[in-house]
């Protein structure tokens, strides 16, 4: 999914971050980086993924955490000095050009979604299961009511082949932002079968739009406004495409965590879409993120600057990988702090425009 010159390096990186997800039939899915799944034959039958939820161990594989003492400082990249980045963008007009669709938007693997949903609902602790309908599909979302002073809502978008309670990035955001006043709704996005190549996910970038729109409406209908989007990996790419094509969707800010520019060998159209996003963007990635995410940081910054939304910024957390293992506190703090600032600035702007 990332832009890596040596394909072997890319495969090695995926295998280095492999984990397993148990199925109800006793088999398991080998899940690589980005949630990309390998055939079940590659699973280690004796492995038992760990989880704090006794009834849903099969959903939450154990991954090593980094020591807190090794967390370097956060690097911020403001948009004030973007001359070089804008020049780079102008010199690379085709870098983010969307690839031509090969057919109608795919709807994904409904059976796989049902399998995720059954296992998640059975062991759900943080929040309640909500069922939404959009684009001809009925899909799961998870809603934990906010605590304390209400600040707004956040639609959380998971990565490739994952689910709305994915333990890395998704669960920390959906479960801990409510503690800070943000009502979250983490939605099941379309997924594809295990043998699917990353580039085959390209049609789903548009197929996810009805679900995202339904989630935004659901939060707003319950008084959780303003509403932001927060996406990880492929979910972030879906969020970019959605906002670029629906500027009137009722979203006030967008958080992109580990945003890729490519899906395997295919251009995801991320950079071109970023230039059309009119709401403030937080581009958040780790210093040890996937090679393509790190390499394209300047291009993403240039695209965000070209869009011109006040309050946008790029943040690099040194030492963090694509899944922010051991950096959950920094992840949540960065997202919460930035959303608060944008919400405050947006509110001031509305007051100033009143006659």
Protein backbone atom coordinates (compact mmCIF):
# COMPACT_ATOMS: atom_id res chain seq x y z
CA UNK A 1 0.00 0.00 0.00
CA UNK A 2 2.97 2.25 0.40
CA UNK A 3 5.31 3.69 -2.22
CA UNK A 4 8.41 1.51 -1.87
CA UNK A 5 11.04 1.22 -4.55
CA UNK A 6 12.20 -2.27 -3.60
CA UNK A 7 9.20 -4.60 -3.53
CA UNK A 8 11.11 -7.02 -1.32
CA UNK A 9 11.51 -4.34 1.31
CA UNK A 10 7.76 -3.74 1.25
CA UNK A 11 6.95 -7.45 1.68
CA UNK A 12 9.46 -7.73 4.50
CA UNK A 13 7.89 -4.81 6.31
CA UNK A 14 4.44 -6.35 6.06
CA UNK A 15 5.65 -9.69 7.37
CA UNK A 16 7.48 -8.01 10.24
CA UNK A 17 4.17 -6.62 11.49
CA UNK A 18 2.08 -9.75 10.91
CA UNK A 19 -0.58 -10.84 13.38
CA UNK A 20 -3.44 -13.35 13.44
CA UNK A 21 -7.21 -13.06 13.77
CA UNK A 22 -9.24 -16.12 14.73
CA UNK A 23 -12.36 -17.04 12.80
CA UNK A 24 -15.42 -18.78 14.21
CA UNK A 25 -14.66 -21.90 12.19
CA UNK A 26 -11.41 -22.37 14.12
CA UNK A 27 -9.20 -21.03 11.36
CA UNK A 28 -7.47 -17.71 11.38
CA UNK A 29 -6.62 -14.82 9.11
CA UNK A 30 -2.98 -13.76 8.91
CA UNK A 31 -3.12 -9.99 9.04
CA UNK A 32 -0.16 -7.99 7.77
CA UNK A 33 0.49 -4.28 7.90
CA UNK A 34 -2.58 -2.20 6.93
CA UNK A 35 -4.80 -5.14 7.81
CA UNK A 36 -3.82 -6.89 4.57
CA UNK A 37 -4.66 -10.55 5.10
CA UNK A 38 -2.76 -13.58 3.85
CA UNK A 39 -4.36 -16.98 3.11
CA UNK A 40 -5.37 -18.97 6.17
CA UNK A 41 -2.76 -21.62 5.36
CA UNK A 42 -0.09 -19.20 6.55
CA UNK A 43 -1.51 -19.06 10.10
CA UNK A 44 0.24 -20.56 13.10
CA UNK A 45 -2.40 -22.83 14.58
CA UNK A 46 -0.90 -22.79 18.07
CA UNK A 47 -0.88 -19.02 18.41
CA UNK A 48 -3.33 -17.44 20.87
CA UNK A 49 -3.75 -13.69 20.41
CA UNK A 50 -3.98 -11.82 23.70
CA UNK A 51 -6.75 -9.39 24.65
CA UNK A 52 -8.20 -7.69 27.66
CA UNK A 53 -11.60 -8.90 26.47
CA UNK A 54 -12.01 -12.54 27.45
CA UNK A 55 -14.86 -13.09 25.00
CA UNK A 56 -13.11 -11.62 21.99
CA UNK A 57 -9.51 -12.78 22.15
CA UNK A 58 -9.64 -13.83 18.53
CA UNK A 59 -10.11 -10.21 17.48
CA UNK A 60 -7.21 -8.68 19.34
CA UNK A 61 -3.76 -10.13 18.60
CA UNK A 62 -0.92 -9.38 20.96
CA UNK A 63 1.66 -6.92 19.68
CA UNK A 64 4.80 -5.72 21.46
CA UNK A 65 4.68 -2.21 22.91
CA UNK A 66 7.57 0.22 22.90
CA UNK A 67 9.00 1.40 26.19
CA UNK A 68 7.64 4.78 27.24
CA UNK A 69 11.15 5.98 28.05
CA UNK A 70 12.10 5.73 24.36
CA UNK A 71 9.54 8.25 23.15
CA UNK A 72 11.32 11.14 21.41
CA UNK A 73 9.72 14.56 21.09
CA UNK A 74 7.01 15.37 18.59
CA UNK A 75 7.98 17.27 15.46
CA UNK A 76 5.52 19.81 14.14
CA UNK A 77 5.46 21.02 10.55
CA UNK A 78 3.40 24.24 10.37
CA UNK A 79 1.99 25.47 7.09
CA UNK A 80 3.46 28.96 7.41
CA UNK A 81 6.61 28.11 5.45
CA UNK A 82 5.30 26.13 2.52
CA UNK A 83 7.04 27.80 -0.42
CA UNK A 84 9.30 24.84 -1.06
CA UNK A 85 6.45 22.38 -0.64
CA UNK A 86 4.24 24.27 -3.07
CA UNK A 87 7.06 24.41 -5.60
CA UNK A 88 7.52 20.66 -5.22
CA UNK A 89 3.83 20.08 -5.80
CA UNK A 90 3.86 22.21 -8.94
CA UNK A 91 6.83 20.26 -10.26
CA UNK A 92 5.04 16.94 -9.73
CA UNK A 93 1.58 17.42 -11.25
CA UNK A 94 0.99 13.72 -11.83
CA UNK A 95 2.00 12.54 -8.36
CA UNK A 96 -1.55 12.48 -7.05
CA UNK A 97 -3.59 12.07 -10.21
CA UNK A 98 -6.43 9.63 -9.58
CA UNK A 99 -6.20 6.39 -11.48
CA UNK A 100 -9.00 5.43 -13.85
CA UNK A 101 -11.56 3.09 -12.27
CA UNK A 102 -11.65 -0.39 -13.74
CA UNK A 103 -15.38 -0.84 -13.18
CA UNK A 104 -18.29 0.01 -10.89
CA UNK A 105 -17.45 0.59 -7.20
CA UNK A 106 -17.00 -2.66 -5.32
CA UNK A 107 -19.25 -3.33 -2.34
CA UNK A 108 -16.83 -5.53 -0.46
CA UNK A 109 -17.01 -8.88 1.32
CA UNK A 110 -20.32 -8.91 3.22
CA UNK A 111 -19.61 -12.28 4.83
CA UNK A 112 -16.36 -11.03 6.26
CA UNK A 113 -18.13 -7.96 7.64
CA UNK A 114 -20.71 -10.17 9.34
CA UNK A 115 -17.94 -12.28 10.86
CA UNK A 116 -16.26 -9.17 12.25
CA UNK A 117 -19.57 -7.82 13.57
CA UNK A 118 -20.61 -11.02 15.36
CA UNK A 119 -17.31 -11.29 17.19
CA UNK A 120 -17.10 -7.59 18.05
CA UNK A 121 -20.64 -7.31 19.41
CA UNK A 122 -20.20 -10.45 21.49
CA UNK A 123 -17.25 -9.01 23.40
CA UNK A 124 -17.98 -5.29 23.24
CA UNK A 125 -17.31 -3.38 26.46
CA UNK A 126 -16.44 0.20 25.54
CA UNK A 127 -19.54 1.57 23.85
CA UNK A 128 -22.66 0.15 22.25
CA UNK A 129 -23.30 -1.43 18.88
CA UNK A 130 -25.20 0.72 16.39
CA UNK A 131 -26.49 -0.51 13.03
CA UNK A 132 -26.60 1.91 10.13
CA UNK A 133 -27.79 1.53 6.54
CA UNK A 134 -26.30 3.24 3.50
CA UNK A 135 -25.41 2.37 -0.07
CA UNK A 136 -27.56 -0.75 0.05
CA UNK A 137 -25.66 -2.20 3.01
CA UNK A 138 -26.37 -2.63 6.72
CA UNK A 139 -23.18 -2.16 8.70
CA UNK A 140 -21.89 -2.00 12.26
CA UNK A 141 -20.77 1.10 14.10
CA UNK A 142 -19.67 1.55 17.71
CA UNK A 143 -20.79 4.48 19.82
CA UNK A 144 -19.46 5.31 23.31
CA UNK A 145 -21.26 8.39 24.73
CA UNK A 146 -18.91 11.23 25.69
CA UNK A 147 -18.07 12.15 29.26
CA UNK A 148 -17.75 15.64 30.69
CA UNK A 149 -18.19 18.78 28.64
CA UNK A 150 -19.47 17.89 25.14
CA UNK A 151 -17.19 19.12 22.37
CA UNK A 152 -18.56 17.50 19.23
CA UNK A 153 -18.41 14.25 17.31
CA UNK A 154 -15.72 12.24 15.53
CA UNK A 155 -16.33 9.56 12.89
CA UNK A 156 -13.47 7.02 13.13
CA UNK A 157 -12.40 5.21 9.94
CA UNK A 158 -10.31 2.03 10.16
CA UNK A 159 -7.60 0.76 7.81
CA UNK A 160 -7.45 -1.92 5.12
CA UNK A 161 -9.27 -5.16 5.91
CA UNK A 162 -9.89 -4.10 9.52
CA UNK A 163 -12.95 -3.37 11.67
CA UNK A 164 -14.36 -0.55 13.86
CA UNK A 165 -12.74 -1.81 17.07
CA UNK A 166 -9.29 -2.51 15.64
CA UNK A 167 -6.86 -2.48 18.59
CA UNK A 168 -4.31 -0.11 17.08
CA UNK A 169 -5.09 3.53 16.36
CA UNK A 170 -8.83 2.90 15.97
CA UNK A 171 -9.63 1.64 19.49
CA UNK A 172 -7.51 4.27 21.28
CA UNK A 173 -9.25 7.03 19.35
CA UNK A 174 -12.80 5.71 19.56
CA UNK A 175 -12.59 4.76 23.27
CA UNK A 176 -10.46 7.58 24.68
CA UNK A 177 -11.65 10.65 22.81
CA UNK A 178 -15.06 10.32 24.55
CA UNK A 179 -13.24 10.71 27.87
CA UNK A 180 -12.26 14.16 26.58
CA UNK A 181 -15.74 15.17 25.49
CA UNK A 182 -15.81 13.89 21.90
CA UNK A 183 -18.60 11.50 20.92
CA UNK A 184 -17.09 8.94 18.56
CA UNK A 185 -18.77 6.70 16.03
CA UNK A 186 -16.40 4.08 14.63
CA UNK A 187 -17.86 2.55 11.47
CA UNK A 188 -17.29 -0.67 9.56
CA UNK A 189 -15.99 0.27 6.13
CA UNK A 190 -16.14 -2.06 3.11
CA UNK A 191 -13.50 -4.82 3.12
CA UNK A 192 -12.41 -7.39 0.55
CA UNK A 193 -11.53 -11.11 0.74
CA UNK A 194 -8.20 -12.21 2.19
CA UNK A 195 -6.52 -12.90 -1.15
CA UNK A 196 -7.17 -9.38 -2.43
CA UNK A 197 -4.24 -7.25 -3.58
CA UNK A 198 -3.92 -3.75 -2.06
CA UNK A 199 -4.58 -2.10 -5.43
CA UNK A 200 -7.91 -3.95 -5.67
CA UNK A 201 -9.15 -1.72 -2.85
CA UNK A 202 -9.16 1.34 -5.15
CA UNK A 203 -12.90 1.08 -6.00
CA UNK A 204 -13.73 1.02 -2.28
CA UNK A 205 -12.37 4.54 -1.89
CA UNK A 206 -15.67 5.72 -3.35
CA UNK A 207 -17.84 2.85 -2.10
CA UNK A 208 -17.15 3.98 1.49
CA UNK A 209 -18.67 7.43 0.93
CA UNK A 210 -22.32 6.55 1.73
CA UNK A 211 -21.27 4.97 5.02
CA UNK A 212 -19.19 7.97 6.04
CA UNK A 213 -22.05 10.32 5.19
CA UNK A 214 -24.50 8.19 7.21
CA UNK A 215 -22.17 8.26 10.22
CA UNK A 216 -21.86 12.05 10.05
CA UNK A 217 -25.65 12.41 9.88
CA UNK A 218 -26.12 10.01 12.80
CA UNK A 219 -23.85 12.02 15.09
CA UNK A 220 -25.33 15.35 14.06
CA UNK A 221 -28.89 14.08 14.55
CA UNK A 222 -28.01 13.30 18.17
CA UNK A 223 -26.59 16.71 18.87
CA UNK A 224 -22.91 15.80 18.55
CA UNK A 225 -21.81 18.75 16.46
CA UNK A 226 -19.51 19.87 15.04
CA UNK A 227 -18.38 16.59 13.49
CA UNK A 228 -14.85 15.65 12.41
CA UNK A 229 -13.44 12.65 10.55
CA UNK A 230 -10.43 10.68 11.83
CA UNK A 231 -9.07 7.97 9.55
CA UNK A 232 -6.14 5.57 9.74
CA UNK A 233 -4.27 4.32 6.67
CA UNK A 234 -6.81 3.27 4.02
CA UNK A 235 -9.56 4.82 6.15
CA UNK A 236 -7.71 8.13 5.94
CA UNK A 237 -7.54 7.79 2.14
CA UNK A 238 -11.28 7.12 2.08
CA UNK A 239 -11.83 10.21 4.21
CA UNK A 240 -9.78 12.35 1.83
CA UNK A 241 -11.77 11.16 -1.18
CA UNK A 242 -15.06 11.73 0.65
CA UNK A 243 -14.24 15.31 1.69
CA UNK A 244 -12.83 16.21 -1.72
CA UNK A 245 -16.08 15.22 -3.41
CA UNK A 246 -18.51 16.31 -0.68
CA UNK A 247 -17.43 19.70 0.65
CA UNK A 248 -20.93 20.24 2.07
CA UNK A 249 -20.95 17.03 4.14
CA UNK A 250 -21.14 18.87 7.47
CA UNK A 251 -17.57 18.06 8.58
CA UNK A 252 -15.48 20.75 10.29
CA UNK A 253 -12.06 19.03 10.47
CA UNK A 254 -10.17 15.97 9.23
CA UNK A 255 -7.49 13.90 10.96
CA UNK A 256 -5.39 11.63 8.70
CA UNK A 257 -3.17 9.11 10.51
CA UNK A 258 -0.58 7.29 8.38
CA UNK A 259 -2.15 8.50 5.13
CA UNK A 260 -0.86 6.53 2.08
CA UNK A 261 -0.54 7.85 -1.45
CA UNK A 262 -0.60 4.43 -3.09
CA UNK A 263 -2.48 1.14 -2.88
CA UNK A 264 0.17 -1.40 -3.76
CA UNK A 265 1.26 -0.46 -7.27
CA UNK A 266 -1.73 1.81 -7.90
CA UNK A 267 -1.95 5.54 -7.25
CA UNK A 268 -4.68 6.15 -4.68
CA UNK A 269 -5.24 9.72 -5.86
CA UNK A 270 -4.56 10.99 -2.35
CA UNK A 271 -2.51 14.05 -3.25
CA UNK A 272 -4.95 15.26 -5.89
CA UNK A 273 -7.86 14.81 -3.49
CA UNK A 274 -6.04 16.57 -0.63
CA UNK A 275 -5.82 19.71 -2.73
CA UNK A 276 -9.63 19.80 -2.81
CA UNK A 277 -10.27 19.34 0.92
CA UNK A 278 -11.60 22.65 2.24
CA UNK A 279 -11.63 21.86 5.97
CA UNK A 280 -8.56 22.00 8.26
CA UNK A 281 -6.41 18.86 8.03
CA UNK A 282 -4.14 17.26 10.63
CA UNK A 283 -1.65 15.01 8.80
CA UNK A 284 -0.26 12.78 11.56
CA UNK A 285 2.38 10.11 10.97
CA UNK A 286 5.18 8.32 12.78
CA UNK A 287 8.90 8.69 12.23
CA UNK A 288 8.99 4.90 11.72
CA UNK A 289 5.83 4.82 9.62
CA UNK A 290 5.63 2.85 6.38
CA UNK A 291 8.30 4.07 3.92
CA UNK A 292 5.82 5.54 1.47
CA UNK A 293 4.00 7.48 4.18
CA UNK A 294 7.26 9.02 5.39
CA UNK A 295 8.61 9.67 1.88
CA UNK A 296 5.47 11.50 0.75
CA UNK A 297 5.21 13.77 3.80
CA UNK A 298 6.36 16.88 1.92
CA UNK A 299 3.99 16.18 -0.95
CA UNK A 300 1.07 15.81 1.44
CA UNK A 301 2.06 19.04 3.17
CA UNK A 302 2.17 20.83 -0.17
CA UNK A 303 -1.26 19.50 -1.15
CA UNK A 304 -2.74 20.57 2.19
CA UNK A 305 -1.19 24.02 1.82
CA UNK A 306 -2.60 24.32 -1.70
CA UNK A 307 -6.08 23.61 -0.32
CA UNK A 308 -5.62 26.64 1.91
CA UNK A 309 -7.66 25.70 4.99
CA UNK A 310 -6.59 27.69 8.05
CA UNK A 311 -5.47 25.61 11.02
CA UNK A 312 -4.06 22.71 8.99
CA UNK A 313 -0.80 21.21 10.12
CA UNK A 314 1.45 18.20 9.75
CA UNK A 315 2.76 16.37 12.83
CA UNK A 316 5.47 13.71 12.87
CA UNK A 317 5.87 11.68 16.08
CA UNK A 318 9.42 10.41 16.20
CA UNK A 319 9.76 6.74 17.12
CA UNK A 320 6.15 5.85 16.30
CA UNK A 321 5.39 3.23 13.65
CA UNK A 322 2.36 2.95 11.39
CA UNK A 323 0.27 1.52 14.26
CA UNK A 324 1.51 3.89 16.99
CA UNK A 325 2.41 0.98 19.28
CA UNK A 326 3.41 2.46 22.62
CA UNK A 327 2.46 5.94 21.43
CA UNK A 328 -1.27 5.82 22.07
CA UNK A 329 -1.09 8.67 24.60
CA UNK A 330 0.63 10.96 22.10
CA UNK A 331 -1.81 9.94 19.38
CA UNK A 332 -4.91 10.75 21.42
CA UNK A 333 -3.41 13.95 22.87
CA UNK A 334 -2.43 15.27 19.45
CA UNK A 335 -5.84 14.57 17.94
CA UNK A 336 -7.78 15.96 20.91
CA UNK A 337 -5.64 19.09 21.24
CA UNK A 338 -5.79 19.91 17.55
CA UNK A 339 -9.55 19.33 17.30
CA UNK A 340 -10.12 21.64 20.27
CA UNK A 341 -8.07 24.41 18.68
CA UNK A 342 -9.81 24.09 15.33
CA UNK A 343 -13.23 23.97 16.99
CA UNK A 344 -12.45 27.12 18.96
CA UNK A 345 -11.08 28.92 15.90
CA UNK A 346 -14.06 27.83 13.81
CA UNK A 347 -16.44 29.13 16.46
CA UNK A 348 -14.64 32.48 16.59
CA UNK A 349 -14.81 32.78 12.83
CA UNK A 350 -18.57 32.22 12.81
CA UNK A 351 -19.08 34.84 15.51
CA UNK A 352 -16.96 37.37 13.64
CA UNK A 353 -19.00 36.86 10.45
CA UNK A 354 -22.32 37.55 12.18
CA UNK A 355 -23.81 41.00 11.33
